[in-house]
Protein backbone atom coordinates (compact mmCIF):
# COMPACT_ATOMS: atom_id res chain seq x y z
CA UNK A 1 -91.94 -46.65 36.33
CA UNK A 2 -89.73 -43.81 35.14
CA UNK A 3 -86.91 -46.20 34.17
CA UNK A 4 -89.30 -48.17 31.95
CA UNK A 5 -90.75 -44.97 30.50
CA UNK A 6 -87.27 -43.91 29.38
CA UNK A 7 -87.12 -47.00 27.12
CA UNK A 8 -89.90 -45.55 24.96
CA UNK A 9 -88.92 -43.80 21.68
CA UNK A 10 -88.87 -40.01 21.87
CA UNK A 11 -88.34 -40.04 25.64
CA UNK A 12 -85.39 -38.50 27.50
CA UNK A 13 -84.44 -37.77 31.08
CA UNK A 14 -86.00 -34.53 32.31
CA UNK A 15 -84.43 -31.75 34.34
CA UNK A 16 -82.98 -33.11 37.58
CA UNK A 17 -84.45 -30.18 39.52
CA UNK A 18 -87.88 -31.71 38.87
CA UNK A 19 -87.12 -35.18 40.15
CA UNK A 20 -85.44 -36.80 37.12
CA UNK A 21 -88.82 -37.69 35.61
CA UNK A 22 -89.25 -38.49 31.92
CA UNK A 23 -89.70 -35.87 29.20
CA UNK A 24 -91.87 -37.35 26.45
CA UNK A 25 -92.09 -35.96 22.92
CA UNK A 26 -90.26 -32.75 23.83
CA UNK A 27 -92.77 -31.76 26.51
CA UNK A 28 -91.79 -30.86 30.06
CA UNK A 29 -91.94 -33.44 32.86
CA UNK A 30 -94.97 -31.57 34.25
CA UNK A 31 -97.05 -32.28 31.13
CA UNK A 32 -97.36 -36.06 31.51
CA UNK A 33 -100.32 -37.96 32.92
CA UNK A 34 -100.13 -41.08 35.10
CA UNK A 35 -102.90 -43.69 35.34
CA UNK A 36 -103.51 -46.77 37.49
CA UNK A 37 -106.16 -49.12 36.07
CA UNK A 38 -107.63 -46.22 34.10
CA UNK A 39 -107.72 -43.81 37.06
CA UNK A 40 -105.73 -40.58 36.79
CA UNK A 41 -103.29 -40.42 39.74
CA UNK A 42 -101.36 -37.34 38.62
CA UNK A 43 -101.06 -34.35 40.90
CA UNK A 44 -103.33 -32.02 38.92
CA UNK A 45 -101.85 -28.87 40.49
CA UNK A 46 -98.15 -29.42 39.74
CA UNK A 47 -98.22 -32.32 37.26
CA UNK A 48 -94.99 -33.77 38.69
CA UNK A 49 -96.38 -35.99 41.45
CA UNK A 50 -98.14 -39.32 41.16
CA UNK A 51 -98.98 -42.50 43.08
CA UNK A 52 -96.57 -45.34 42.31
CA UNK A 53 -97.49 -49.03 42.45
CA UNK A 54 -94.80 -51.29 43.99
CA UNK A 55 -93.08 -53.38 41.30
CA UNK A 56 -94.56 -56.63 42.64
CA UNK A 57 -98.07 -55.28 42.03
CA UNK A 58 -97.54 -54.18 38.40
CA UNK A 59 -99.02 -56.36 35.66
CA UNK A 60 -98.10 -54.15 32.70
CA UNK A 61 -97.09 -50.61 31.79
CA UNK A 62 -98.13 -48.80 28.60
CA UNK A 63 -96.29 -45.67 27.45
CA UNK A 64 -98.33 -43.51 25.06
CA UNK A 65 -96.37 -40.68 23.46
CA UNK A 66 -98.69 -39.59 20.65
CA UNK A 67 -102.05 -40.31 19.11
CA UNK A 68 -103.62 -41.71 22.26
CA UNK A 69 -107.38 -41.91 22.68
CA UNK A 70 -109.82 -39.51 24.26
CA UNK A 71 -109.98 -41.53 27.49
CA UNK A 72 -106.56 -40.09 28.37
CA UNK A 73 -106.82 -36.37 29.00
CA UNK A 74 -105.05 -33.47 30.74
CA UNK A 75 -101.76 -34.25 29.04
CA UNK A 76 -99.57 -32.36 26.56
CA UNK A 77 -96.68 -34.79 26.90
CA UNK A 78 -97.16 -38.52 27.29
CA UNK A 79 -99.31 -40.95 29.22
CA UNK A 80 -97.91 -43.60 31.54
CA UNK A 81 -100.64 -46.16 32.18
CA UNK A 82 -100.07 -48.89 34.81
CA UNK A 83 -102.28 -51.97 34.97
CA UNK A 84 -102.02 -53.87 38.23
CA UNK A 85 -101.87 -57.61 38.62
CA UNK A 86 -105.16 -59.44 39.12
CA UNK A 87 -106.26 -62.76 40.54
CA UNK A 88 -106.61 -65.87 38.40
CA UNK A 89 -107.95 -69.40 38.94
CA UNK A 90 -104.65 -70.33 40.59
CA UNK A 91 -103.54 -69.05 43.99
CA UNK A 92 -100.12 -67.41 43.82
CA UNK A 93 -98.16 -65.10 46.09
CA UNK A 94 -94.81 -64.04 47.40
CA UNK A 95 -92.82 -61.64 49.53
CA UNK A 96 -89.83 -59.32 49.10
CA UNK A 97 -87.57 -57.75 51.69
CA UNK A 98 -85.24 -54.97 50.57
CA UNK A 99 -82.86 -52.78 52.53
CA UNK A 100 -81.08 -49.81 50.95
CA UNK A 101 -78.76 -48.26 53.55
CA UNK A 102 -77.63 -44.71 53.10
CA UNK A 103 -74.06 -45.73 53.98
CA UNK A 104 -73.76 -47.92 50.86
CA UNK A 105 -75.15 -45.40 48.39
CA UNK A 106 -72.85 -43.52 46.02
CA UNK A 107 -71.79 -40.19 47.43
CA UNK A 108 -71.82 -36.79 45.80
CA UNK A 109 -69.44 -33.94 46.57
CA UNK A 110 -69.62 -30.18 46.73
CA UNK A 111 -67.01 -27.42 46.88
CA UNK A 112 -66.68 -25.82 50.31
CA UNK A 113 -64.83 -22.53 50.57
CA UNK A 114 -62.01 -22.72 53.12
CA UNK A 115 -60.53 -19.25 52.51
CA UNK A 116 -60.88 -16.53 49.87
CA UNK A 117 -60.24 -18.19 46.52
CA UNK A 118 -59.60 -21.61 48.13
CA UNK A 119 -62.04 -24.53 48.00
CA UNK A 120 -62.03 -28.19 48.96
CA UNK A 121 -64.28 -31.05 47.83
CA UNK A 122 -66.24 -32.69 50.65
CA UNK A 123 -68.95 -35.35 50.73
CA UNK A 124 -72.43 -33.87 50.55
CA UNK A 125 -74.23 -34.60 53.85
CA UNK A 126 -77.58 -36.31 54.13
CA UNK A 127 -79.20 -39.19 52.29
CA UNK A 128 -82.00 -41.77 52.37
CA UNK A 129 -82.14 -44.99 54.39
CA UNK A 130 -84.90 -47.40 53.26
CA UNK A 131 -86.19 -50.73 54.65
CA UNK A 132 -89.12 -52.26 52.75
CA UNK A 133 -91.22 -55.44 52.98
CA UNK A 134 -93.82 -56.37 50.34
CA UNK A 135 -96.25 -59.27 50.77
CA UNK A 136 -98.62 -60.04 47.91
CA UNK A 137 -100.92 -62.75 46.57
CA UNK A 138 -104.05 -63.48 44.59
CA UNK A 139 -106.42 -66.15 43.40
CA UNK A 140 -110.07 -67.16 42.97
CA UNK A 141 -112.77 -66.40 45.55
CA UNK A 142 -115.26 -68.12 43.23
CA UNK A 143 -113.62 -70.08 40.44
CA UNK A 144 -114.16 -68.54 36.98
CA UNK A 145 -116.25 -65.73 38.54
CA UNK A 146 -114.70 -63.70 41.35
CA UNK A 147 -110.95 -63.03 41.75
CA UNK A 148 -108.80 -61.08 44.20
CA UNK A 149 -105.26 -59.73 44.26
CA UNK A 150 -103.75 -57.85 47.18
CA UNK A 151 -100.44 -56.32 48.22
CA UNK A 152 -99.29 -54.83 51.52
CA UNK A 153 -96.07 -52.85 51.83
CA UNK A 154 -94.47 -52.04 55.16
CA UNK A 155 -91.60 -49.56 54.88
CA UNK A 156 -89.39 -47.41 57.04
CA UNK A 157 -87.86 -44.52 55.13
CA UNK A 158 -85.59 -41.87 56.67
CA UNK A 159 -84.48 -38.93 54.54
CA UNK A 160 -81.98 -36.33 55.74
CA UNK A 161 -81.79 -33.19 53.54
CA UNK A 162 -79.38 -30.28 53.97
CA UNK A 163 -79.46 -26.82 52.46
CA UNK A 164 -77.31 -23.77 53.10
CA UNK A 165 -79.06 -22.82 56.32
CA UNK A 166 -81.48 -25.64 57.22
CA UNK A 167 -81.61 -29.37 57.78
CA UNK A 168 -84.76 -31.48 57.25
CA UNK A 169 -85.18 -34.98 58.66
CA UNK A 170 -88.26 -36.86 57.40
CA UNK A 171 -89.35 -40.31 58.58
CA UNK A 172 -92.08 -42.42 56.98
CA UNK A 173 -93.58 -45.63 58.39
CA UNK A 174 -97.10 -45.50 56.93
CA UNK A 175 -98.05 -48.90 55.40
CA UNK A 176 -99.21 -49.01 51.77
CA UNK A 177 -101.76 -51.37 50.25
CA UNK A 178 -103.31 -52.36 46.93
CA UNK A 179 -106.51 -54.38 46.46
CA UNK A 180 -107.93 -55.56 43.11
CA UNK A 181 -111.28 -57.39 42.75
CA UNK A 182 -112.61 -58.73 39.44
CA UNK A 183 -116.15 -60.08 39.06
CA UNK A 184 -116.83 -61.81 35.73
CA UNK A 185 -120.61 -61.35 35.44
CA UNK A 186 -120.76 -63.17 32.10
CA UNK A 187 -118.73 -63.58 28.92
CA UNK A 188 -119.25 -59.93 27.95
CA UNK A 189 -119.32 -58.02 31.27
CA UNK A 190 -116.68 -57.57 33.96
CA UNK A 191 -116.91 -55.46 37.12
CA UNK A 192 -113.61 -54.26 38.59
CA UNK A 193 -112.72 -52.65 41.93
CA UNK A 194 -109.34 -51.10 42.63
CA UNK A 195 -108.52 -49.69 46.07
CA UNK A 196 -105.10 -48.41 47.11
CA UNK A 197 -103.11 -46.28 49.48
CA UNK A 198 -99.80 -46.06 47.64
CA UNK A 199 -96.64 -44.02 48.03
CA UNK A 200 -96.73 -40.60 46.41
CA UNK A 201 -93.80 -39.63 44.22
CA UNK A 202 -93.61 -35.89 44.92
CA UNK A 203 -91.29 -33.06 43.99
């Protein structure tokens, strides 16, 4: 989501200390708002945390950096609005398995003092190891009337973080899901239901 946001005019990479999020229109990364199907999923307290839809569940992304309507509030920067995929009259689906081992990631270095006035560059310890499986699909429950789209993500994420005096090891195995129901009452009225338990991008 952030990578696509950075393609929008007037948008630059924000301060890395705040998660490398996007700075839109000169505002800080904490002044953006994030929406999923019209629902505000921004962390209201800090402004730099939001729920992220897996790529396979995204139908479209709209980046609004000025002059957006009154339905988008609580934002001094920009609005990142994600619309999820939805079911159609044709059943479709798929799956994706991705593994990102910490051992194959690019390494960073830091200067360790070996003696007064002497330093050496060493690999920074820690990293993130991620295994992820997404299964998704959608189609008609009642043709031309009632449609469904769903996604389930099973992931195992291990993050090892070091500081000067502490080490933090975090493991995540909680499954994520997304469910979208669309009921076409008639030519002019549509009832939508979106339910999700998605990963939280937090800083």
